[in-house]
Amino acid sequence: MIILGAPVVTGIAQDTAIKNKIDDLSTTTERLKLLHSHDALVILKNSLAIPKLLYLLRTSNCGDNPLLRKLDEALRSVFTLLQF
């Protein structure tokens, strides 16, 4: 069950939402490589992935989901590629 874009219960809906965020970050990473690192950070932080990701993490009970490790690795790779 999904309400306002966030899964309410754990299960397939929660896994799908987290997988979608991972896919969005990988697409975003490729596009942000074309920008200057500071511009890419501002765009990532304020408008693309981070606000939606924080909403997902705040509204769903996903603290013990194993996909969070993959999400963490995707975020780490984004910030590593931007080379601040």
C-alpha atoms as a PDB file:
ATOM      1  CA  MET A   1       0.000   0.000   0.000  1.00  0.00           C
ATOM      2  CA  ILE A   2       1.369   3.396  -1.019  1.00  0.00           C
ATOM      3  CA  ILE A   3       0.040   6.715   0.271  1.00  0.00           C
ATOM      4  CA  LEU A   4       1.384  10.018  -1.109  1.00  0.00           C
ATOM      5  CA  GLY A   5       4.272   8.244  -2.788  1.00  0.00           C
ATOM      6  CA  ALA A   6       5.561   6.437   0.290  1.00  0.00           C
ATOM      7  CA  PRO A   7       4.978   2.779   1.140  1.00  0.00           C
ATOM      8  CA  VAL A   8       3.039   2.290   4.348  1.00  0.00           C
ATOM      9  CA  VAL A   9       3.959  -1.317   5.075  1.00  0.00           C
ATOM     10  CA  THR A  10       7.124  -3.270   4.473  1.00  0.00           C
ATOM     11  CA  GLY A  11       7.258  -5.640   1.560  1.00  0.00           C
ATOM     12  CA  ILE A  12       7.186  -5.436  -2.205  1.00  0.00           C
ATOM     13  CA  ALA A  13       6.037  -1.806  -2.350  1.00  0.00           C
ATOM     14  CA  GLN A  14       8.883  -0.695  -0.106  1.00  0.00           C
ATOM     15  CA  ASP A  15      11.454  -2.692  -2.076  1.00  0.00           C
ATOM     16  CA  THR A  16      10.155  -1.239  -5.330  1.00  0.00           C
ATOM     17  CA  ALA A  17      10.323   2.318  -3.990  1.00  0.00           C
ATOM     18  CA  ILE A  18      13.916   1.879  -2.828  1.00  0.00           C
ATOM     19  CA  LYS A  19      14.935   0.205  -6.112  1.00  0.00           C
ATOM     20  CA  ASN A  20      13.399   3.125  -8.006  1.00  0.00           C
ATOM     21  CA  LYS A  21      15.488   5.566  -5.961  1.00  0.00           C
ATOM     22  CA  ILE A  22      18.630   3.549  -6.704  1.00  0.00           C
ATOM     23  CA  ASP A  23      17.824   3.613 -10.432  1.00  0.00           C
ATOM     24  CA  ASP A  24      17.125   7.350 -10.285  1.00  0.00           C
ATOM     25  CA  LEU A  25      20.481   7.951  -8.609  1.00  0.00           C
ATOM     26  CA  SER A  26      22.345   5.964 -11.254  1.00  0.00           C
ATOM     27  CA  THR A  27      20.660   7.958 -14.033  1.00  0.00           C
ATOM     28  CA  THR A  28      21.339  11.193 -12.188  1.00  0.00           C
ATOM     29  CA  THR A  29      24.986  10.276 -11.691  1.00  0.00           C
ATOM     30  CA  GLU A  30      25.579   9.989 -15.414  1.00  0.00           C
ATOM     31  CA  ARG A  31      24.005  13.368 -16.064  1.00  0.00           C
ATOM     32  CA  LEU A  32      25.719  15.170 -13.199  1.00  0.00           C
ATOM     33  CA  LYS A  33      29.149  14.149 -14.499  1.00  0.00           C
ATOM     34  CA  LEU A  34      28.679  16.728 -17.242  1.00  0.00           C
ATOM     35  CA  LEU A  35      28.433  19.627 -14.780  1.00  0.00           C
ATOM     36  CA  HIS A  36      30.930  21.362 -12.536  1.00  0.00           C
ATOM     37  CA  SER A  37      31.080  19.593  -9.164  1.00  0.00           C
ATOM     38  CA  HIS A  38      29.632  22.475  -7.131  1.00  0.00           C
ATOM     39  CA  ASP A  39      26.730  22.951  -9.533  1.00  0.00           C
ATOM     40  CA  ALA A  40      26.052  19.213  -9.506  1.00  0.00           C
ATOM     41  CA  LEU A  41      26.001  19.144  -5.697  1.00  0.00           C
ATOM     42  CA  VAL A  42      23.550  22.045  -5.489  1.00  0.00           C
ATOM     43  CA  ILE A  43      21.228  20.441  -8.042  1.00  0.00           C
ATOM     44  CA  LEU A  44      21.434  17.046  -6.354  1.00  0.00           C
ATOM     45  CA  LYS A  45      20.895  18.441  -2.882  1.00  0.00           C
ATOM     46  CA  ASN A  46      18.045  20.803  -3.611  1.00  0.00           C
ATOM     47  CA  SER A  47      16.019  19.452  -6.453  1.00  0.00           C
ATOM     48  CA  LEU A  48      16.729  15.994  -7.792  1.00  0.00           C
ATOM     49  CA  ALA A  49      17.155  13.004  -5.575  1.00  0.00           C
ATOM     50  CA  ILE A  50      17.870  13.962  -2.003  1.00  0.00           C
ATOM     51  CA  PRO A  51      14.532  15.590  -0.988  1.00  0.00           C
ATOM     52  CA  LYS A  52      12.527  12.706  -2.451  1.00  0.00           C
ATOM     53  CA  LEU A  53      14.841  10.174  -0.852  1.00  0.00           C
ATOM     54  CA  LEU A  54      14.554  11.828   2.542  1.00  0.00           C
ATOM     55  CA  TYR A  55      10.772  11.823   2.223  1.00  0.00           C
ATOM     56  CA  LEU A  56      10.831   8.095   1.507  1.00  0.00           C
ATOM     57  CA  LEU A  57      13.093   7.355   4.464  1.00  0.00           C
ATOM     58  CA  ARG A  58      11.091   9.531   6.872  1.00  0.00           C
ATOM     59  CA  THR A  59       7.649   8.234   5.968  1.00  0.00           C
ATOM     60  CA  SER A  60       8.233   4.508   5.609  1.00  0.00           C
ATOM     61  CA  ASN A  61       9.492   2.021   8.141  1.00  0.00           C
ATOM     62  CA  CYS A  62      12.505   0.777   6.186  1.00  0.00           C
ATOM     63  CA  GLY A  63      15.221   0.714   8.815  1.00  0.00           C
ATOM     64  CA  ASP A  64      15.928  -2.986   8.424  1.00  0.00           C
ATOM     65  CA  ASN A  65      15.582  -3.239   4.641  1.00  0.00           C
ATOM     66  CA  PRO A  66      18.655  -4.848   3.004  1.00  0.00           C
ATOM     67  CA  LEU A  67      18.323  -2.572  -0.038  1.00  0.00           C
ATOM     68  CA  LEU A  68      19.433   0.388   2.060  1.00  0.00           C
ATOM     69  CA  ARG A  69      23.027  -0.831   1.746  1.00  0.00           C
ATOM     70  CA  LYS A  70      22.767  -0.633  -2.054  1.00  0.00           C
ATOM     71  CA  LEU A  71      21.188   2.797  -1.757  1.00  0.00           C
ATOM     72  CA  ASP A  72      24.057   3.917   0.465  1.00  0.00           C
ATOM     73  CA  GLU A  73      26.576   2.631  -2.076  1.00  0.00           C
ATOM     74  CA  ALA A  74      24.769   4.488  -4.871  1.00  0.00           C
ATOM     75  CA  LEU A  75      24.857   7.739  -2.889  1.00  0.00           C
ATOM     76  CA  ARG A  76      28.506   7.212  -2.052  1.00  0.00           C
ATOM     77  CA  SER A  77      29.337   6.671  -5.723  1.00  0.00           C
ATOM     78  CA  VAL A  78      27.539   9.896  -6.689  1.00  0.00           C
ATOM     79  CA  PHE A  79      29.559  11.944  -4.232  1.00  0.00           C
ATOM     80  CA  THR A  80      32.783  10.153  -5.142  1.00  0.00           C
ATOM     81  CA  LEU A  81      32.336  10.846  -8.843  1.00  0.00           C
ATOM     82  CA  LEU A  82      31.676  14.529  -8.244  1.00  0.00           C
ATOM     83  CA  GLN A  83      35.179  14.894  -6.683  1.00  0.00           C
ATOM     84  CA  PHE A  84      34.793  17.874  -4.383  1.00  0.00           C
END
